Amino acid sequence: MLYLTLFTDCTITLCLLDIQRERYIVMCTIAAIDYDIGWYYMSCKICWKRVLLVPSDHMYYCAKCNNYRPQLLPRYNLQLVVLDNTGHAKFLLLDNLAEELLGISCGVLYGSSADQIEDPVVVHSFLSKLIGETYFCKIVIEEQNFLLNCQTFKVLEIFPTYEF
């Protein structure tokens, strides 16, 4: 519980108005999952950093490893549309947190190989189990949020409301 005191309780509307770097706990309900940027990204299996797609070659490149043929590992990149009684925003839920919440690795949901994506209907059906659930989300307001007016907040930790 001492860890919780490092975060301030906040509403979504107050997060959107914040103009400094802060950490908050927001109680919110997941209303939807935004699939516009996808639900996963490819990373290098060696260094775990995001890999870049080289469009002309249709290959991936790992800048950290300087490798044009990295071993690929899909990782979660979920943009959750969340709401509370004051407003709505997007919360970014990355790999380990999403895996802990869903109980399945991104690699399993993605498919057996890096070239074979699971049926989108199956993926949407599985991820939609989160919709309507209420959680406490520890989020951070980063510079991009107030300098660039970005309304997507990175989730540092997420836990169900029934734990309290």
Protein backbone atom coordinates (compact mmCIF):
# COMPACT_ATOMS: atom_id res chain seq x y z
CA MET A 1 0.00 0.00 0.00
CA LEU A 2 2.95 2.36 0.56
CA TYR A 3 3.67 2.11 -3.18
CA LEU A 4 0.21 3.52 -3.91
CA THR A 5 1.03 6.70 -1.97
CA LEU A 6 3.59 7.59 -4.67
CA PHE A 7 0.67 8.04 -7.07
CA THR A 8 -2.15 10.58 -6.88
CA ASP A 9 -5.79 9.61 -7.46
CA CYS A 10 -7.04 11.31 -10.58
CA THR A 11 -9.86 11.40 -13.12
CA ILE A 12 -9.41 11.13 -16.86
CA THR A 13 -10.40 14.76 -17.40
CA LEU A 14 -7.75 15.96 -14.94
CA CYS A 15 -5.14 13.80 -16.71
CA LEU A 16 -6.02 15.45 -20.01
CA LEU A 17 -5.56 18.89 -18.44
CA ASP A 18 -2.24 18.10 -16.74
CA ILE A 19 0.72 20.17 -17.91
CA GLN A 20 3.54 18.52 -16.00
CA ARG A 21 5.07 15.08 -15.60
CA GLU A 22 3.05 13.25 -12.97
CA ARG A 23 2.02 9.74 -12.00
CA TYR A 24 -1.60 8.97 -11.28
CA ILE A 25 -3.96 6.17 -10.38
CA VAL A 26 -7.14 6.25 -12.44
CA MET A 27 -10.13 3.99 -11.93
CA CYS A 28 -11.59 3.43 -15.38
CA THR A 29 -13.60 1.06 -17.51
CA ILE A 30 -12.32 -0.29 -20.81
CA ALA A 31 -14.83 0.80 -23.45
CA ALA A 32 -13.02 -0.41 -26.57
CA ILE A 33 -9.72 -1.43 -28.07
CA ASP A 34 -8.37 0.85 -30.81
CA TYR A 35 -6.93 -1.33 -33.57
CA ASP A 36 -5.88 1.60 -35.82
CA ILE A 37 -2.17 1.08 -35.09
CA GLY A 38 -2.52 -2.64 -34.55
CA TRP A 39 -2.54 -4.73 -31.39
CA TYR A 40 1.08 -5.88 -31.55
CA TYR A 41 4.50 -4.89 -32.83
CA MET A 42 7.52 -6.92 -33.88
CA SER A 43 10.61 -6.88 -31.71
CA CYS A 44 14.04 -8.47 -31.86
CA LYS A 45 14.18 -11.71 -29.90
CA ILE A 46 17.78 -10.94 -28.85
CA CYS A 47 17.53 -7.36 -27.51
CA TRP A 48 13.70 -7.03 -27.21
CA LYS A 49 13.71 -3.66 -29.01
CA ARG A 50 11.18 -2.76 -31.70
CA VAL A 51 12.36 -3.68 -35.19
CA LEU A 52 11.86 -1.57 -38.29
CA LEU A 53 10.25 -2.76 -41.48
CA VAL A 54 12.39 -2.04 -44.53
CA PRO A 55 9.65 -1.45 -47.15
CA SER A 56 11.83 -1.91 -50.23
CA ASP A 57 13.00 -5.36 -49.08
CA HIS A 58 9.94 -6.41 -47.06
CA MET A 59 12.36 -7.39 -44.28
CA TYR A 60 12.83 -6.31 -40.69
CA TYR A 61 15.89 -4.51 -39.32
CA CYS A 62 17.04 -4.29 -35.69
CA ALA A 63 18.89 -1.00 -35.19
CA LYS A 64 20.27 -2.01 -31.80
CA CYS A 65 21.73 -5.31 -33.04
CA ASN A 66 22.48 -3.90 -36.53
CA ASN A 67 20.86 -6.99 -37.99
CA TYR A 68 18.82 -7.14 -41.22
CA ARG A 69 17.41 -10.56 -40.40
CA PRO A 70 16.60 -10.51 -36.69
CA GLN A 71 14.71 -13.29 -34.99
CA LEU A 72 11.26 -11.82 -34.53
CA LEU A 73 9.13 -11.78 -31.41
CA PRO A 74 5.61 -10.27 -31.50
CA ARG A 75 4.76 -8.12 -28.46
CA TYR A 76 1.50 -6.54 -27.30
CA ASN A 77 0.79 -2.90 -28.08
CA LEU A 78 -2.82 -2.41 -26.95
CA GLN A 79 -4.46 0.99 -27.14
CA LEU A 80 -7.35 0.82 -24.71
CA VAL A 81 -10.15 3.37 -24.97
CA VAL A 82 -11.04 3.97 -21.33
CA LEU A 83 -13.66 6.07 -19.61
CA ASP A 84 -14.72 7.20 -16.20
CA ASN A 85 -17.56 9.51 -15.13
CA THR A 86 -15.57 12.58 -16.30
CA GLY A 87 -14.35 11.66 -19.78
CA HIS A 88 -12.41 9.27 -21.99
CA ALA A 89 -8.83 8.76 -23.13
CA LYS A 90 -6.52 6.09 -24.54
CA PHE A 91 -4.24 4.07 -22.31
CA LEU A 92 -1.30 2.23 -23.86
CA LEU A 93 -0.83 -1.27 -22.44
CA LEU A 94 2.45 -2.85 -23.49
CA ASP A 95 3.66 -6.43 -23.64
CA ASN A 96 4.27 -7.71 -20.12
CA LEU A 97 1.29 -5.93 -18.57
CA ALA A 98 -1.03 -7.07 -21.35
CA GLU A 99 0.24 -10.64 -21.08
CA GLU A 100 -0.31 -10.63 -17.32
CA LEU A 101 -3.83 -9.28 -17.75
CA LEU A 102 -4.82 -11.61 -20.61
CA GLY A 103 -3.02 -14.70 -19.36
CA ILE A 104 -1.57 -15.50 -22.78
CA SER A 105 1.60 -14.37 -24.53
CA CYS A 106 1.40 -12.26 -27.65
CA GLY A 107 3.37 -14.93 -29.52
CA VAL A 108 0.70 -17.54 -28.82
CA LEU A 109 -2.14 -15.24 -29.86
CA TYR A 110 -0.20 -14.03 -32.90
CA GLY A 111 0.35 -17.53 -34.26
CA SER A 112 2.98 -20.20 -34.39
CA SER A 113 5.41 -18.36 -36.66
CA ALA A 114 6.32 -14.75 -37.28
CA ASP A 115 4.80 -14.98 -40.78
CA GLN A 116 1.45 -16.42 -39.71
CA ILE A 117 -0.97 -14.18 -37.87
CA GLU A 118 -3.85 -15.76 -36.01
CA ASP A 119 -7.31 -15.33 -37.49
CA PRO A 120 -8.34 -11.69 -36.81
CA VAL A 121 -11.77 -12.84 -35.64
CA VAL A 122 -10.13 -15.02 -32.98
CA VAL A 123 -7.82 -12.19 -31.91
CA HIS A 124 -10.65 -9.64 -31.66
CA SER A 125 -12.83 -12.11 -29.81
CA PHE A 126 -10.07 -12.85 -27.30
CA LEU A 127 -9.07 -9.21 -26.72
CA SER A 128 -12.69 -8.07 -26.45
CA LYS A 129 -12.94 -9.94 -23.13
CA LEU A 130 -11.35 -6.82 -21.61
CA ILE A 131 -14.20 -4.56 -22.72
CA GLY A 132 -16.54 -3.56 -19.91
CA GLU A 133 -14.04 -4.46 -17.18
CA THR A 134 -13.05 -1.85 -14.59
CA TYR A 135 -9.45 -1.47 -13.43
CA PHE A 136 -7.15 0.75 -11.46
CA CYS A 137 -4.46 1.95 -13.85
CA LYS A 138 -1.23 3.53 -12.74
CA ILE A 139 -0.32 5.89 -15.55
CA VAL A 140 2.37 8.43 -16.23
CA ILE A 141 1.92 11.83 -17.85
CA GLU A 142 4.93 12.21 -20.15
CA GLU A 143 6.27 15.26 -21.98
CA GLN A 144 4.56 14.21 -25.22
CA ASN A 145 1.21 14.33 -23.42
CA PHE A 146 1.37 18.00 -22.54
CA LEU A 147 3.81 19.34 -25.16
CA LEU A 148 2.22 17.60 -28.15
CA ASN A 149 -1.28 17.31 -26.67
CA CYS A 150 -1.08 13.52 -26.96
CA GLN A 151 -4.06 11.96 -25.21
CA THR A 152 -2.65 8.43 -24.99
CA PHE A 153 -1.14 7.63 -21.60
CA LYS A 154 1.29 4.83 -20.86
CA VAL A 155 0.11 2.31 -18.25
CA LEU A 156 2.75 1.39 -15.68
CA GLU A 157 0.58 -1.09 -13.80
CA ILE A 158 -2.99 -2.34 -14.00
CA PHE A 159 -5.06 -4.29 -11.51
CA PRO A 160 -8.75 -5.14 -11.10
CA THR A 161 -10.87 -3.08 -8.75
CA TYR A 162 -11.90 -6.17 -6.77
CA GLU A 163 -8.39 -6.36 -5.28
CA PHE A 164 -9.28 -3.38 -3.05
